[in-house]
Protein backbone atom coordinates (compact mmCIF):
# COMPACT_ATOMS: atom_id res chain seq x y z
CA UNK A 1 0.00 0.00 0.00
CA UNK A 2 1.37 3.40 -0.98
CA UNK A 3 0.37 6.51 0.89
CA UNK A 4 1.16 9.80 -0.77
CA UNK A 5 1.02 12.81 1.47
CA UNK A 6 -0.28 16.08 0.11
CA UNK A 7 2.33 18.70 -0.69
CA UNK A 8 3.31 20.90 2.23
CA UNK A 9 3.12 23.93 0.00
CA UNK A 10 1.92 25.00 -3.42
CA UNK A 11 5.42 26.25 -4.28
CA UNK A 12 7.27 24.60 -7.16
CA UNK A 13 9.91 22.10 -6.03
CA UNK A 14 12.71 24.42 -7.17
CA UNK A 15 11.42 27.12 -4.82
CA UNK A 16 11.18 24.73 -1.87
CA UNK A 17 14.85 23.79 -2.27
CA UNK A 18 16.07 27.32 -3.06
CA UNK A 19 17.03 28.15 0.56
CA UNK A 20 19.41 25.18 0.71
CA UNK A 21 21.01 25.14 -2.74
CA UNK A 22 24.15 26.61 -1.17
CA UNK A 23 24.91 23.26 0.53
CA UNK A 24 25.60 21.65 -2.84
CA UNK A 25 29.36 21.15 -3.05
CA UNK A 26 29.76 21.03 0.73
CA UNK A 27 31.01 17.90 2.49
CA UNK A 28 28.13 15.68 3.59
CA UNK A 29 27.70 15.44 7.36
CA UNK A 30 24.73 13.86 9.12
CA UNK A 31 23.66 17.18 10.69
CA UNK A 32 22.99 18.71 7.27
CA UNK A 33 19.71 16.76 7.16
CA UNK A 34 18.26 18.71 10.10
CA UNK A 35 19.51 21.95 8.55
CA UNK A 36 17.79 21.18 5.24
CA UNK A 37 14.54 20.24 6.97
CA UNK A 38 14.57 23.42 9.06
CA UNK A 39 15.04 25.67 6.03
CA UNK A 40 12.62 23.90 3.68
CA UNK A 41 9.84 22.71 5.96
CA UNK A 42 10.07 19.21 4.49
CA UNK A 43 9.42 16.26 6.82
CA UNK A 44 12.20 13.83 5.92
CA UNK A 45 15.73 13.98 4.57
CA UNK A 46 17.32 10.79 3.23
CA UNK A 47 21.09 10.73 3.28
CA UNK A 48 23.34 8.69 1.01
CA UNK A 49 22.94 4.95 1.46
CA UNK A 50 19.92 5.25 3.75
CA UNK A 51 16.89 3.08 3.02
CA UNK A 52 13.71 4.68 1.75
CA UNK A 53 10.47 3.51 0.20
CA UNK A 54 10.05 3.87 -3.56
CA UNK A 55 6.77 5.76 -3.41
CA UNK A 56 6.79 9.35 -4.62
CA UNK A 57 6.47 11.79 -1.74
CA UNK A 58 6.59 15.56 -1.86
CA UNK A 59 7.67 15.87 1.77
CA UNK A 60 11.02 14.08 1.44
CA UNK A 61 14.37 15.21 0.07
CA UNK A 62 17.10 12.85 -1.08
CA UNK A 63 20.68 13.98 -0.61
CA UNK A 64 23.11 12.58 -3.19
CA UNK A 65 26.87 12.78 -2.80
CA UNK A 66 29.76 12.48 -5.23
CA UNK A 67 32.78 10.19 -4.92
CA UNK A 68 34.48 12.71 -2.63
CA UNK A 69 31.56 12.75 -0.16
CA UNK A 70 30.37 16.20 -1.20
CA UNK A 71 26.70 16.98 -1.69
CA UNK A 72 26.04 16.72 -5.42
CA UNK A 73 22.26 16.95 -5.67
CA UNK A 74 19.07 17.50 -3.67
CA UNK A 75 15.94 15.84 -5.04
CA UNK A 76 12.36 15.83 -3.84
CA UNK A 77 10.74 12.55 -4.80
C-alpha atoms as a PDB file:
ATOM      1  CA  UNK A   1       0.000   0.000   0.000  1.00  0.00           C
ATOM      2  CA  UNK A   2       1.365   3.396  -0.983  1.00  0.00           C
ATOM      3  CA  UNK A   3       0.365   6.509   0.885  1.00  0.00           C
ATOM      4  CA  UNK A   4       1.162   9.801  -0.770  1.00  0.00           C
ATOM      5  CA  UNK A   5       1.023  12.812   1.468  1.00  0.00           C
ATOM      6  CA  UNK A   6      -0.283  16.083   0.111  1.00  0.00           C
ATOM      7  CA  UNK A   7       2.326  18.705  -0.692  1.00  0.00           C
ATOM      8  CA  UNK A   8       3.306  20.905   2.228  1.00  0.00           C
ATOM      9  CA  UNK A   9       3.119  23.926  -0.004  1.00  0.00           C
ATOM     10  CA  UNK A  10       1.918  24.998  -3.424  1.00  0.00           C
ATOM     11  CA  UNK A  11       5.418  26.245  -4.276  1.00  0.00           C
ATOM     12  CA  UNK A  12       7.266  24.605  -7.158  1.00  0.00           C
ATOM     13  CA  UNK A  13       9.914  22.105  -6.029  1.00  0.00           C
ATOM     14  CA  UNK A  14      12.707  24.417  -7.172  1.00  0.00           C
ATOM     15  CA  UNK A  15      11.416  27.125  -4.821  1.00  0.00           C
ATOM     16  CA  UNK A  16      11.179  24.728  -1.866  1.00  0.00           C
ATOM     17  CA  UNK A  17      14.846  23.785  -2.270  1.00  0.00           C
ATOM     18  CA  UNK A  18      16.073  27.317  -3.063  1.00  0.00           C
ATOM     19  CA  UNK A  19      17.026  28.150   0.563  1.00  0.00           C
ATOM     20  CA  UNK A  20      19.415  25.176   0.709  1.00  0.00           C
ATOM     21  CA  UNK A  21      21.012  25.145  -2.745  1.00  0.00           C
ATOM     22  CA  UNK A  22      24.149  26.606  -1.170  1.00  0.00           C
ATOM     23  CA  UNK A  23      24.914  23.258   0.535  1.00  0.00           C
ATOM     24  CA  UNK A  24      25.602  21.654  -2.843  1.00  0.00           C
ATOM     25  CA  UNK A  25      29.357  21.148  -3.053  1.00  0.00           C
ATOM     26  CA  UNK A  26      29.762  21.027   0.726  1.00  0.00           C
ATOM     27  CA  UNK A  27      31.012  17.901   2.494  1.00  0.00           C
ATOM     28  CA  UNK A  28      28.131  15.683   3.594  1.00  0.00           C
ATOM     29  CA  UNK A  29      27.704  15.441   7.365  1.00  0.00           C
ATOM     30  CA  UNK A  30      24.726  13.863   9.123  1.00  0.00           C
ATOM     31  CA  UNK A  31      23.665  17.178  10.690  1.00  0.00           C
ATOM     32  CA  UNK A  32      22.991  18.711   7.266  1.00  0.00           C
ATOM     33  CA  UNK A  33      19.714  16.757   7.161  1.00  0.00           C
ATOM     34  CA  UNK A  34      18.262  18.710  10.102  1.00  0.00           C
ATOM     35  CA  UNK A  35      19.508  21.952   8.553  1.00  0.00           C
ATOM     36  CA  UNK A  36      17.793  21.181   5.238  1.00  0.00           C
ATOM     37  CA  UNK A  37      14.543  20.239   6.970  1.00  0.00           C
ATOM     38  CA  UNK A  38      14.566  23.416   9.060  1.00  0.00           C
ATOM     39  CA  UNK A  39      15.040  25.673   6.033  1.00  0.00           C
ATOM     40  CA  UNK A  40      12.619  23.901   3.678  1.00  0.00           C
ATOM     41  CA  UNK A  41       9.837  22.707   5.961  1.00  0.00           C
ATOM     42  CA  UNK A  42      10.065  19.210   4.494  1.00  0.00           C
ATOM     43  CA  UNK A  43       9.416  16.261   6.816  1.00  0.00           C
ATOM     44  CA  UNK A  44      12.198  13.825   5.924  1.00  0.00           C
ATOM     45  CA  UNK A  45      15.729  13.977   4.572  1.00  0.00           C
ATOM     46  CA  UNK A  46      17.316  10.789   3.230  1.00  0.00           C
ATOM     47  CA  UNK A  47      21.090  10.731   3.284  1.00  0.00           C
ATOM     48  CA  UNK A  48      23.335   8.687   1.006  1.00  0.00           C
ATOM     49  CA  UNK A  49      22.937   4.952   1.457  1.00  0.00           C
ATOM     50  CA  UNK A  50      19.917   5.255   3.747  1.00  0.00           C
ATOM     51  CA  UNK A  51      16.889   3.077   3.021  1.00  0.00           C
ATOM     52  CA  UNK A  52      13.705   4.684   1.752  1.00  0.00           C
ATOM     53  CA  UNK A  53      10.474   3.509   0.201  1.00  0.00           C
ATOM     54  CA  UNK A  54      10.051   3.865  -3.557  1.00  0.00           C
ATOM     55  CA  UNK A  55       6.774   5.763  -3.414  1.00  0.00           C
ATOM     56  CA  UNK A  56       6.791   9.352  -4.618  1.00  0.00           C
ATOM     57  CA  UNK A  57       6.470  11.795  -1.741  1.00  0.00           C
ATOM     58  CA  UNK A  58       6.585  15.560  -1.859  1.00  0.00           C
ATOM     59  CA  UNK A  59       7.668  15.868   1.768  1.00  0.00           C
ATOM     60  CA  UNK A  60      11.018  14.082   1.436  1.00  0.00           C
ATOM     61  CA  UNK A  61      14.367  15.213   0.069  1.00  0.00           C
ATOM     62  CA  UNK A  62      17.100  12.845  -1.077  1.00  0.00           C
ATOM     63  CA  UNK A  63      20.683  13.976  -0.610  1.00  0.00           C
ATOM     64  CA  UNK A  64      23.107  12.578  -3.194  1.00  0.00           C
ATOM     65  CA  UNK A  65      26.869  12.779  -2.795  1.00  0.00           C
ATOM     66  CA  UNK A  66      29.759  12.480  -5.228  1.00  0.00           C
ATOM     67  CA  UNK A  67      32.782  10.191  -4.915  1.00  0.00           C
ATOM     68  CA  UNK A  68      34.484  12.715  -2.628  1.00  0.00           C
ATOM     69  CA  UNK A  69      31.565  12.749  -0.165  1.00  0.00           C
ATOM     70  CA  UNK A  70      30.369  16.196  -1.204  1.00  0.00           C
ATOM     71  CA  UNK A  71      26.699  16.976  -1.687  1.00  0.00           C
ATOM     72  CA  UNK A  72      26.044  16.720  -5.417  1.00  0.00           C
ATOM     73  CA  UNK A  73      22.255  16.949  -5.666  1.00  0.00           C
ATOM     74  CA  UNK A  74      19.070  17.500  -3.670  1.00  0.00           C
ATOM     75  CA  UNK A  75      15.938  15.840  -5.044  1.00  0.00           C
ATOM     76  CA  UNK A  76      12.361  15.828  -3.841  1.00  0.00           C
ATOM     77  CA  UNK A  77      10.738  12.555  -4.801  1.00  0.00           C
END
